[in-house]
Amino acid sequence: MTGYVYMTASQKRGTIYTGVTNDLSRRVFEHKSGSGSRFTGRYGVQRLVWYEEHFDMREAIQREKALKGWPRQWKIALIEAINPEWNELMRGIGW
């Protein structure tokens, strides 16, 4: 089963949330509607700024755990390598 590791942010260089899902469109919709998680709802972390597709959900889960252990600056560098302006990426995948 395909899995996605993703990061959402409140704004450019703002609060970052790292998660994993098997349905990226649904999960981002949940975050935007306020039902994604208490953390994302509380801090307004709704902008999809980075994601990675894995063809094995177990690999996606391992990657998410690794990223959650990274220092904040490493996460920022990962995001900015593909999305320097921290634009909303959800529009680019059909939502």
PDB file of N, CA and C in Angstrom:
ATOM      1  N   MET A   1       0.840  -1.184   0.000  1.00  0.00           N
ATOM      2  CA  MET A   1       0.000   0.000   0.000  1.00  0.00           C
ATOM      3  C   MET A   1       0.884   1.245   0.000  1.00  0.00           C
ATOM      4  N   THR A   2       0.515   2.218  -0.818  1.00  0.00           N
ATOM      5  CA  THR A   2       1.246   3.478  -0.909  1.00  0.00           C
ATOM      6  C   THR A   2       1.063   4.287   0.361  1.00  0.00           C
ATOM      7  N   GLY A   3       2.110   4.971   0.752  1.00  0.00           N
ATOM      8  CA  GLY A   3       2.052   5.853   1.908  1.00  0.00           C
ATOM      9  C   GLY A   3       2.716   7.174   1.593  1.00  0.00           C
ATOM     10  N   TYR A   4       2.319   8.192   2.294  1.00  0.00           N
ATOM     11  CA  TYR A   4       2.883   9.525   2.118  1.00  0.00           C
ATOM     12  C   TYR A   4       3.367  10.040   3.464  1.00  0.00           C
ATOM     13  N   VAL A   5       4.545  10.625   3.453  1.00  0.00           N
ATOM     14  CA  VAL A   5       5.037  11.386   4.597  1.00  0.00           C
ATOM     15  C   VAL A   5       4.881  12.837   4.177  1.00  0.00           C
ATOM     16  N   TYR A   6       4.423  13.672   5.073  1.00  0.00           N
ATOM     17  CA  TYR A   6       4.142  15.054   4.692  1.00  0.00           C
ATOM     18  C   TYR A   6       4.439  16.004   5.833  1.00  0.00           C
ATOM     19  N   MET A   7       4.613  17.267   5.475  1.00  0.00           N
ATOM     20  CA  MET A   7       4.746  18.322   6.471  1.00  0.00           C
ATOM     21  C   MET A   7       3.778  19.438   6.120  1.00  0.00           C
ATOM     22  N   THR A   8       3.084  19.900   7.119  1.00  0.00           N
ATOM     23  CA  THR A   8       2.226  21.065   6.991  1.00  0.00           C
ATOM     24  C   THR A   8       2.819  22.166   7.861  1.00  0.00           C
ATOM     25  N   ALA A   9       2.498  23.404   7.520  1.00  0.00           N
ATOM     26  CA  ALA A   9       3.032  24.540   8.265  1.00  0.00           C
ATOM     27  C   ALA A   9       1.959  25.600   8.438  1.00  0.00           C
ATOM     28  N   SER A  10       2.145  26.423   9.453  1.00  0.00           N
ATOM     29  CA  SER A  10       1.210  27.521   9.703  1.00  0.00           C
ATOM     30  C   SER A  10       1.488  28.692   8.764  1.00  0.00           C
ATOM     31  N   GLN A  11       2.746  28.889   8.413  1.00  0.00           N
ATOM     32  CA  GLN A  11       3.191  29.968   7.533  1.00  0.00           C
ATOM     33  C   GLN A  11       4.643  29.687   7.192  1.00  0.00           C
ATOM     34  N   LYS A  12       5.253  30.519   6.370  1.00  0.00           N
ATOM     35  CA  LYS A  12       6.662  30.341   6.027  1.00  0.00           C
ATOM     36  C   LYS A  12       7.502  30.380   7.297  1.00  0.00           C
ATOM     37  N   ARG A  13       8.251  29.306   7.507  1.00  0.00           N
ATOM     38  CA  ARG A  13       9.112  29.121   8.677  1.00  0.00           C
ATOM     39  C   ARG A  13       8.339  29.158   9.998  1.00  0.00           C
ATOM     40  N   GLY A  14       7.052  28.845   9.924  1.00  0.00           N
ATOM     41  CA  GLY A  14       6.221  28.806  11.124  1.00  0.00           C
ATOM     42  C   GLY A  14       6.236  27.425  11.767  1.00  0.00           C
ATOM     43  N   THR A  15       5.175  27.124  12.475  1.00  0.00           N
ATOM     44  CA  THR A  15       5.031  25.841  13.137  1.00  0.00           C
ATOM     45  C   THR A  15       4.908  24.739  12.091  1.00  0.00           C
ATOM     46  N   ILE A  16       5.606  23.626  12.310  1.00  0.00           N
ATOM     47  CA  ILE A  16       5.629  22.510  11.364  1.00  0.00           C
ATOM     48  C   ILE A  16       5.039  21.274  12.013  1.00  0.00           C
ATOM     49  N   TYR A  17       4.223  20.560  11.250  1.00  0.00           N
ATOM     50  CA  TYR A  17       3.665  19.268  11.677  1.00  0.00           C
ATOM     51  C   TYR A  17       4.108  18.217  10.667  1.00  0.00           C
ATOM     52  N   THR A  18       4.597  17.083  11.147  1.00  0.00           N
ATOM     53  CA  THR A  18       5.011  15.977  10.291  1.00  0.00           C
ATOM     54  C   THR A  18       4.054  14.820  10.516  1.00  0.00           C
ATOM     55  N   GLY A  19       3.561  14.239   9.422  1.00  0.00           N
ATOM     56  CA  GLY A  19       2.619  13.134   9.541  1.00  0.00           C
ATOM     57  C   GLY A  19       2.799  12.106   8.446  1.00  0.00           C
ATOM     58  N   VAL A  20       2.013  11.038   8.534  1.00  0.00           N
ATOM     59  CA  VAL A  20       2.035   9.956   7.550  1.00  0.00           C
ATOM     60  C   VAL A  20       0.590   9.554   7.271  1.00  0.00           C
ATOM     61  N   THR A  21       0.303   9.181   6.036  1.00  0.00           N
ATOM     62  CA  THR A  21      -1.055   8.791   5.656  1.00  0.00           C
ATOM     63  C   THR A  21      -1.011   7.920   4.405  1.00  0.00           C
ATOM     64  N   ASN A  22      -2.105   7.220   4.165  1.00  0.00           N
ATOM     65  CA  ASN A  22      -2.226   6.468   2.906  1.00  0.00           C
ATOM     66  C   ASN A  22      -3.071   7.225   1.888  1.00  0.00           C
ATOM     67  N   ASP A  23      -3.647   8.360   2.285  1.00  0.00           N
ATOM     68  CA  ASP A  23      -4.477   9.173   1.393  1.00  0.00           C
ATOM     69  C   ASP A  23      -4.191  10.649   1.682  1.00  0.00           C
ATOM     70  N   LEU A  24      -3.269  11.219   0.927  1.00  0.00           N
ATOM     71  CA  LEU A  24      -2.807  12.577   1.198  1.00  0.00           C
ATOM     72  C   LEU A  24      -3.912  13.616   1.036  1.00  0.00           C
ATOM     73  N   SER A  25      -4.708  13.514  -0.007  1.00  0.00           N
ATOM     74  CA  SER A  25      -5.796  14.484  -0.219  1.00  0.00           C
ATOM     75  C   SER A  25      -6.768  14.495   0.950  1.00  0.00           C
ATOM     76  N   ARG A  26      -7.189  13.314   1.375  1.00  0.00           N
ATOM     77  CA  ARG A  26      -8.121  13.222   2.508  1.00  0.00           C
ATOM     78  C   ARG A  26      -7.515  13.804   3.779  1.00  0.00           C
ATOM     79  N   ARG A  27      -6.243  13.467   4.031  1.00  0.00           N
ATOM     80  CA  ARG A  27      -5.611  13.901   5.267  1.00  0.00           C
ATOM     81  C   ARG A  27      -5.433  15.422   5.308  1.00  0.00           C
ATOM     82  N   VAL A  28      -5.031  16.007   4.192  1.00  0.00           N
ATOM     83  CA  VAL A  28      -4.885  17.464   4.155  1.00  0.00           C
ATOM     84  C   VAL A  28      -6.249  18.128   4.325  1.00  0.00           C
ATOM     85  N   PHE A  29      -7.282  17.566   3.700  1.00  0.00           N
ATOM     86  CA  PHE A  29      -8.630  18.092   3.889  1.00  0.00           C
ATOM     87  C   PHE A  29      -9.008  18.058   5.375  1.00  0.00           C
ATOM     88  N   GLU A  30      -8.675  16.966   6.055  1.00  0.00           N
ATOM     89  CA  GLU A  30      -8.969  16.873   7.491  1.00  0.00           C
ATOM     90  C   GLU A  30      -8.252  17.981   8.265  1.00  0.00           C
ATOM     91  N   HIS A  31      -6.997  18.199   7.948  1.00  0.00           N
ATOM     92  CA  HIS A  31      -6.261  19.279   8.631  1.00  0.00           C
ATOM     93  C   HIS A  31      -6.909  20.631   8.358  1.00  0.00           C
ATOM     94  N   LYS A  32      -7.282  20.881   7.116  1.00  0.00           N
ATOM     95  CA  LYS A  32      -7.872  22.172   6.764  1.00  0.00           C
ATOM     96  C   LYS A  32      -9.255  22.375   7.394  1.00  0.00           C
ATOM     97  N   SER A  33      -9.973  21.293   7.605  1.00  0.00           N
ATOM     98  CA  SER A  33     -11.310  21.411   8.188  1.00  0.00           C
ATOM     99  C   SER A  33     -11.288  21.394   9.715  1.00  0.00           C
ATOM    100  N   GLY A  34     -10.096  21.232  10.293  1.00  0.00           N
ATOM    101  CA  GLY A  34      -9.979  21.259  11.752  1.00  0.00           C
ATOM    102  C   GLY A  34     -10.119  19.915  12.418  1.00  0.00           C
ATOM    103  N   SER A  35     -10.285  18.838  11.643  1.00  0.00           N
ATOM    104  CA  SER A  35     -10.425  17.521  12.255  1.00  0.00           C
ATOM    105  C   SER A  35      -9.169  16.666  12.094  1.00  0.00           C
ATOM    106  N   GLY A  36      -8.074  17.272  11.618  1.00  0.00           N
ATOM    107  CA  GLY A  36      -6.841  16.522  11.382  1.00  0.00           C
ATOM    108  C   GLY A  36      -6.167  16.071  12.655  1.00  0.00           C
ATOM    109  N   SER A  37      -5.944  16.982  13.557  1.00  0.00           N
ATOM    110  CA  SER A  37      -5.361  16.670  14.860  1.00  0.00           C
ATOM    111  C   SER A  37      -5.536  17.895  15.751  1.00  0.00           C
ATOM    112  N   ARG A  38      -5.448  17.686  17.038  1.00  0.00           N
ATOM    113  CA  ARG A  38      -5.563  18.824  17.950  1.00  0.00           C
ATOM    114  C   ARG A  38      -4.427  19.814  17.733  1.00  0.00           C
ATOM    115  N   PHE A  39      -3.231  19.278  17.505  1.00  0.00           N
ATOM    116  CA  PHE A  39      -2.065  20.140  17.304  1.00  0.00           C
ATOM    117  C   PHE A  39      -2.244  21.053  16.101  1.00  0.00           C
ATOM    118  N   THR A  40      -2.626  20.486  14.953  1.00  0.00           N
ATOM    119  CA  THR A  40      -2.768  21.310  13.748  1.00  0.00           C
ATOM    120  C   THR A  40      -3.922  22.295  13.889  1.00  0.00           C
ATOM    121  N   GLY A  41      -4.977  21.894  14.574  1.00  0.00           N
ATOM    122  CA  GLY A  41      -6.088  22.813  14.804  1.00  0.00           C
ATOM    123  C   GLY A  41      -5.705  23.953  15.724  1.00  0.00           C
ATOM    124  N   ARG A  42      -4.989  23.639  16.773  1.00  0.00           N
ATOM    125  CA  ARG A  42      -4.599  24.650  17.759  1.00  0.00           C
ATOM    126  C   ARG A  42      -3.632  25.680  17.171  1.00  0.00           C
ATOM    127  N   TYR A  43      -2.698  25.222  16.351  1.00  0.00           N
ATOM    128  CA  TYR A  43      -1.653  26.108  15.843  1.00  0.00           C
ATOM    129  C   TYR A  43      -1.844  26.532  14.391  1.00  0.00           C
ATOM    130  N   GLY A  44      -2.960  26.173  13.780  1.00  0.00           N
ATOM    131  CA  GLY A  44      -3.247  26.591  12.412  1.00  0.00           C
ATOM    132  C   GLY A  44      -2.275  26.028  11.381  1.00  0.00           C
ATOM    133  N   VAL A  45      -1.855  24.811  11.601  1.00  0.00           N
ATOM    134  CA  VAL A  45      -0.849  24.174  10.748  1.00  0.00           C
ATOM    135  C   VAL A  45      -1.580  23.420   9.641  1.00  0.00           C
ATOM    136  N   GLN A  46      -1.965  24.148   8.579  1.00  0.00           N
ATOM    137  CA  GLN A  46      -2.844  23.580   7.556  1.00  0.00           C
ATOM    138  C   GLN A  46      -2.274  23.626   6.149  1.00  0.00           C
ATOM    139  N   ARG A  47      -1.164  24.271   5.938  1.00  0.00           N
ATOM    140  CA  ARG A  47      -0.595  24.443   4.594  1.00  0.00           C
ATOM    141  C   ARG A  47       0.358  23.289   4.285  1.00  0.00           C
ATOM    142  N   LEU A  48       0.017  22.468   3.291  1.00  0.00           N
ATOM    143  CA  LEU A  48       0.903  21.376   2.878  1.00  0.00           C
ATOM    144  C   LEU A  48       2.113  21.992   2.181  1.00  0.00           C
ATOM    145  N   VAL A  49       3.306  21.816   2.763  1.00  0.00           N
ATOM    146  CA  VAL A  49       4.505  22.445   2.210  1.00  0.00           C
ATOM    147  C   VAL A  49       5.541  21.436   1.706  1.00  0.00           C
ATOM    148  N   TRP A  50       5.362  20.158   2.047  1.00  0.00           N
ATOM    149  CA  TRP A  50       6.311  19.128   1.615  1.00  0.00           C
ATOM    150  C   TRP A  50       5.635  17.770   1.749  1.00  0.00           C
ATOM    151  N   TYR A  51       5.921  16.884   0.792  1.00  0.00           N
ATOM    152  CA  TYR A  51       5.470  15.494   0.923  1.00  0.00           C
ATOM    153  C   TYR A  51       6.372  14.600   0.110  1.00  0.00           C
ATOM    154  N   GLU A  52       6.319  13.328   0.458  1.00  0.00           N
ATOM    155  CA  GLU A  52       7.132  12.305  -0.177  1.00  0.00           C
ATOM    156  C   GLU A  52       6.275  11.057  -0.301  1.00  0.00           C
ATOM    157  N   GLU A  53       6.257  10.444  -1.463  1.00  0.00           N
ATOM    158  CA  GLU A  53       5.470   9.221  -1.674  1.00  0.00           C
ATOM    159  C   GLU A  53       6.361   7.998  -1.497  1.00  0.00           C
ATOM    160  N   HIS A  54       5.820   7.003  -0.810  1.00  0.00           N
ATOM    161  CA  HIS A  54       6.508   5.722  -0.612  1.00  0.00           C
ATOM    162  C   HIS A  54       5.571   4.622  -1.092  1.00  0.00           C
ATOM    163  N   PHE A  55       6.122   3.633  -1.730  1.00  0.00           N
ATOM    164  CA  PHE A  55       5.289   2.558  -2.257  1.00  0.00           C
ATOM    165  C   PHE A  55       5.037   1.457  -1.242  1.00  0.00           C
ATOM    166  N   ASP A  56       5.571   1.620  -0.062  1.00  0.00           N
ATOM    167  CA  ASP A  56       5.350   0.684   1.043  1.00  0.00           C
ATOM    168  C   ASP A  56       5.041   1.517   2.284  1.00  0.00           C
ATOM    169  N   MET A  57       3.901   1.315   2.877  1.00  0.00           N
ATOM    170  CA  MET A  57       3.481   2.098   4.034  1.00  0.00           C
ATOM    171  C   MET A  57       4.462   1.963   5.194  1.00  0.00           C
ATOM    172  N   ARG A  58       5.060   0.793   5.325  1.00  0.00           N
ATOM    173  CA  ARG A  58       6.030   0.610   6.418  1.00  0.00           C
ATOM    174  C   ARG A  58       7.230   1.537   6.241  1.00  0.00           C
ATOM    175  N   GLU A  59       7.658   1.727   4.989  1.00  0.00           N
ATOM    176  CA  GLU A  59       8.767   2.653   4.718  1.00  0.00           C
ATOM    177  C   GLU A  59       8.357   4.088   5.046  1.00  0.00           C
ATOM    178  N   ALA A  60       7.128   4.441   4.713  1.00  0.00           N
ATOM    179  CA  ALA A  60       6.631   5.785   5.009  1.00  0.00           C
ATOM    180  C   ALA A  60       6.619   6.029   6.521  1.00  0.00           C
ATOM    181  N   ILE A  61       6.188   5.051   7.270  1.00  0.00           N
ATOM    182  CA  ILE A  61       6.143   5.187   8.733  1.00  0.00           C
ATOM    183  C   ILE A  61       7.559   5.332   9.299  1.00  0.00           C
ATOM    184  N   GLN A  62       8.493   4.559   8.783  1.00  0.00           N
ATOM    185  CA  GLN A  62       9.884   4.667   9.236  1.00  0.00           C
ATOM    186  C   GLN A  62      10.449   6.052   8.922  1.00  0.00           C
ATOM    187  N   ARG A  63      10.154   6.558   7.734  1.00  0.00           N
ATOM    188  CA  ARG A  63      10.639   7.879   7.342  1.00  0.00           C
ATOM    189  C   ARG A  63      10.030   8.969   8.231  1.00  0.00           C
ATOM    190  N   GLU A  64       8.733   8.851   8.527  1.00  0.00           N
ATOM    191  CA  GLU A  64       8.091   9.827   9.406  1.00  0.00           C
ATOM    192  C   GLU A  64       8.769   9.839  10.775  1.00  0.00           C
ATOM    193  N   LYS A  65       9.023   8.666  11.330  1.00  0.00           N
ATOM    194  CA  LYS A  65       9.678   8.594  12.642  1.00  0.00           C
ATOM    195  C   LYS A  65      11.059   9.233  12.600  1.00  0.00           C
ATOM    196  N   ALA A  66      11.783   8.990  11.512  1.00  0.00           N
ATOM    197  CA  ALA A  66      13.117   9.588  11.383  1.00  0.00           C
ATOM    198  C   ALA A  66      13.015  11.108  11.318  1.00  0.00           C
ATOM    199  N   LEU A  67      12.094  11.626  10.494  1.00  0.00           N
ATOM    200  CA  LEU A  67      11.940  13.076  10.348  1.00  0.00           C
ATOM    201  C   LEU A  67      11.526  13.734  11.660  1.00  0.00           C
ATOM    202  N   LYS A  68      10.692  13.070  12.423  1.00  0.00           N
ATOM    203  CA  LYS A  68      10.254  13.643  13.701  1.00  0.00           C
ATOM    204  C   LYS A  68      11.420  13.801  14.670  1.00  0.00           C
ATOM    205  N   GLY A  69      12.477  13.020  14.461  1.00  0.00           N
ATOM    206  CA  GLY A  69      13.663  13.131  15.303  1.00  0.00           C
ATOM    207  C   GLY A  69      14.679  14.158  14.813  1.00  0.00           C
ATOM    208  N   TRP A  70      14.437  14.702  13.631  1.00  0.00           N
ATOM    209  CA  TRP A  70      15.363  15.689  13.065  1.00  0.00           C
ATOM    210  C   TRP A  70      15.257  17.027  13.786  1.00  0.00           C
ATOM    211  N   PRO A  71      16.338  17.782  13.828  1.00  0.00           N
ATOM    212  CA  PRO A  71      16.256  19.164  14.317  1.00  0.00           C
ATOM    213  C   PRO A  71      15.387  20.001  13.378  1.00  0.00           C
ATOM    214  N   ARG A  72      14.779  21.011  13.913  1.00  0.00           N
ATOM    215  CA  ARG A  72      13.892  21.883  13.141  1.00  0.00           C
ATOM    216  C   ARG A  72      14.584  22.435  11.889  1.00  0.00           C
ATOM    217  N   GLN A  73      15.843  22.858  12.015  1.00  0.00           N
ATOM    218  CA  GLN A  73      16.546  23.461  10.879  1.00  0.00           C
ATOM    219  C   GLN A  73      16.693  22.477   9.727  1.00  0.00           C
ATOM    220  N   TRP A  74      16.865  21.207  10.007  1.00  0.00           N
ATOM    221  CA  TRP A  74      16.956  20.196   8.951  1.00  0.00           C
ATOM    222  C   TRP A  74      15.628  20.083   8.211  1.00  0.00           C
ATOM    223  N   LYS A  75      14.531  20.132   8.958  1.00  0.00           N
ATOM    224  CA  LYS A  75      13.207  20.070   8.327  1.00  0.00           C
ATOM    225  C   LYS A  75      12.987  21.286   7.431  1.00  0.00           C
ATOM    226  N   ILE A  76      13.389  22.453   7.909  1.00  0.00           N
ATOM    227  CA  ILE A  76      13.259  23.671   7.115  1.00  0.00           C
ATOM    228  C   ILE A  76      14.065  23.534   5.823  1.00  0.00           C
ATOM    229  N   ALA A  77      15.268  23.017   5.923  1.00  0.00           N
ATOM    230  CA  ALA A  77      16.112  22.839   4.729  1.00  0.00           C
ATOM    231  C   ALA A  77      15.473  21.853   3.757  1.00  0.00           C
ATOM    232  N   LEU A  78      14.861  20.792   4.265  1.00  0.00           N
ATOM    233  CA  LEU A  78      14.193  19.802   3.412  1.00  0.00           C
ATOM    234  C   LEU A  78      13.022  20.445   2.667  1.00  0.00           C
ATOM    235  N   ILE A  79      12.232  21.221   3.377  1.00  0.00           N
ATOM    236  CA  ILE A  79      11.094  21.919   2.765  1.00  0.00           C
ATOM    237  C   ILE A  79      11.590  22.899   1.704  1.00  0.00           C
ATOM    238  N   GLU A  80      12.561  23.715   2.068  1.00  0.00           N
ATOM    239  CA  GLU A  80      13.012  24.776   1.170  1.00  0.00           C
ATOM    240  C   GLU A  80      13.783  24.256  -0.038  1.00  0.00           C
ATOM    241  N   ALA A  81      14.259  23.026   0.010  1.00  0.00           N
ATOM    242  CA  ALA A  81      14.938  22.442  -1.152  1.00  0.00           C
ATOM    243  C   ALA A  81      13.969  22.269  -2.319  1.00  0.00           C
ATOM    244  N   ILE A  82      12.682  22.018  -2.012  1.00  0.00           N
ATOM    245  CA  ILE A  82      11.690  21.844  -3.080  1.00  0.00           C
ATOM    246  C   ILE A  82      10.643  22.943  -3.104  1.00  0.00           C
ATOM    247  N   ASN A  83      10.525  23.680  -2.023  1.00  0.00           N
ATOM    248  CA  ASN A  83       9.456  24.671  -1.900  1.00  0.00           C
ATOM    249  C   ASN A  83       9.979  25.887  -1.121  1.00  0.00           C
ATOM    250  N   PRO A  84      10.877  26.665  -1.728  1.00  0.00           N
ATOM    251  CA  PRO A  84      11.520  27.766  -0.995  1.00  0.00           C
ATOM    252  C   PRO A  84      10.569  28.841  -0.477  1.00  0.00           C
ATOM    253  N   GLU A  85       9.427  28.992  -1.104  1.00  0.00           N
ATOM    254  CA  GLU A  85       8.465  30.010  -0.658  1.00  0.00           C
ATOM    255  C   GLU A  85       7.395  29.440   0.276  1.00  0.00           C
ATOM    256  N   TRP A  86       7.469  28.162   0.554  1.00  0.00           N
ATOM    257  CA  TRP A  86       6.507  27.480   1.420  1.00  0.00           C
ATOM    258  C   TRP A  86       5.078  27.622   0.878  1.00  0.00           C
ATOM    259  N   ASN A  87       4.944  27.493  -0.430  1.00  0.00           N
ATOM    260  CA  ASN A  87       3.624  27.566  -1.053  1.00  0.00           C
ATOM    261  C   ASN A  87       2.795  26.330  -0.721  1.00  0.00           C
ATOM    262  N   GLU A  88       1.500  26.491  -0.764  1.00  0.00           N
ATOM    263  CA  GLU A  88       0.557  25.384  -0.579  1.00  0.00           C
ATOM    264  C   GLU A  88       0.709  24.422  -1.754  1.00  0.00           C
ATOM    265  N   LEU A  89       1.032  23.164  -1.483  1.00  0.00           N
ATOM    266  CA  LEU A  89       1.244  22.177  -2.535  1.00  0.00           C
ATOM    267  C   LEU A  89      -0.004  21.364  -2.869  1.00  0.00           C
ATOM    268  N   MET A  90      -1.006  21.432  -2.062  1.00  0.00           N
ATOM    269  CA  MET A  90      -2.179  20.579  -2.270  1.00  0.00           C
ATOM    270  C   MET A  90      -2.824  20.845  -3.612  1.00  0.00           C
ATOM    271  N   ARG A  91      -2.833  22.074  -4.068  1.00  0.00           N
ATOM    272  CA  ARG A  91      -3.437  22.392  -5.365  1.00  0.00           C
ATOM    273  C   ARG A  91      -2.782  21.590  -6.489  1.00  0.00           C
ATOM    274  N   GLY A  92      -1.490  21.293  -6.351  1.00  0.00           N
ATOM    275  CA  GLY A  92      -0.758  20.600  -7.390  1.00  0.00           C
ATOM    276  C   GLY A  92      -1.070  19.117  -7.501  1.00  0.00           C
ATOM    277  N   ILE A  93      -1.809  18.553  -6.561  1.00  0.00           N
ATOM    278  CA  ILE A  93      -2.116  17.123  -6.635  1.00  0.00           C
ATOM    279  C   ILE A  93      -3.621  16.864  -6.656  1.00  0.00           C
ATOM    280  N   GLY A  94      -4.358  17.808  -7.142  1.00  0.00           N
ATOM    281  CA  GLY A  94      -5.754  17.551  -7.447  1.00  0.00           C
ATOM    282  C   GLY A  94      -6.786  17.834  -6.389  1.00  0.00           C
ATOM    283  N   TRP A  95      -6.458  18.575  -5.338  1.00  0.00           N
ATOM    284  CA  TRP A  95      -7.461  18.863  -4.322  1.00  0.00           C
ATOM    285  C   TRP A  95      -8.043  20.212  -4.516  1.00  0.00           C
TER     286      TRP A  95
END
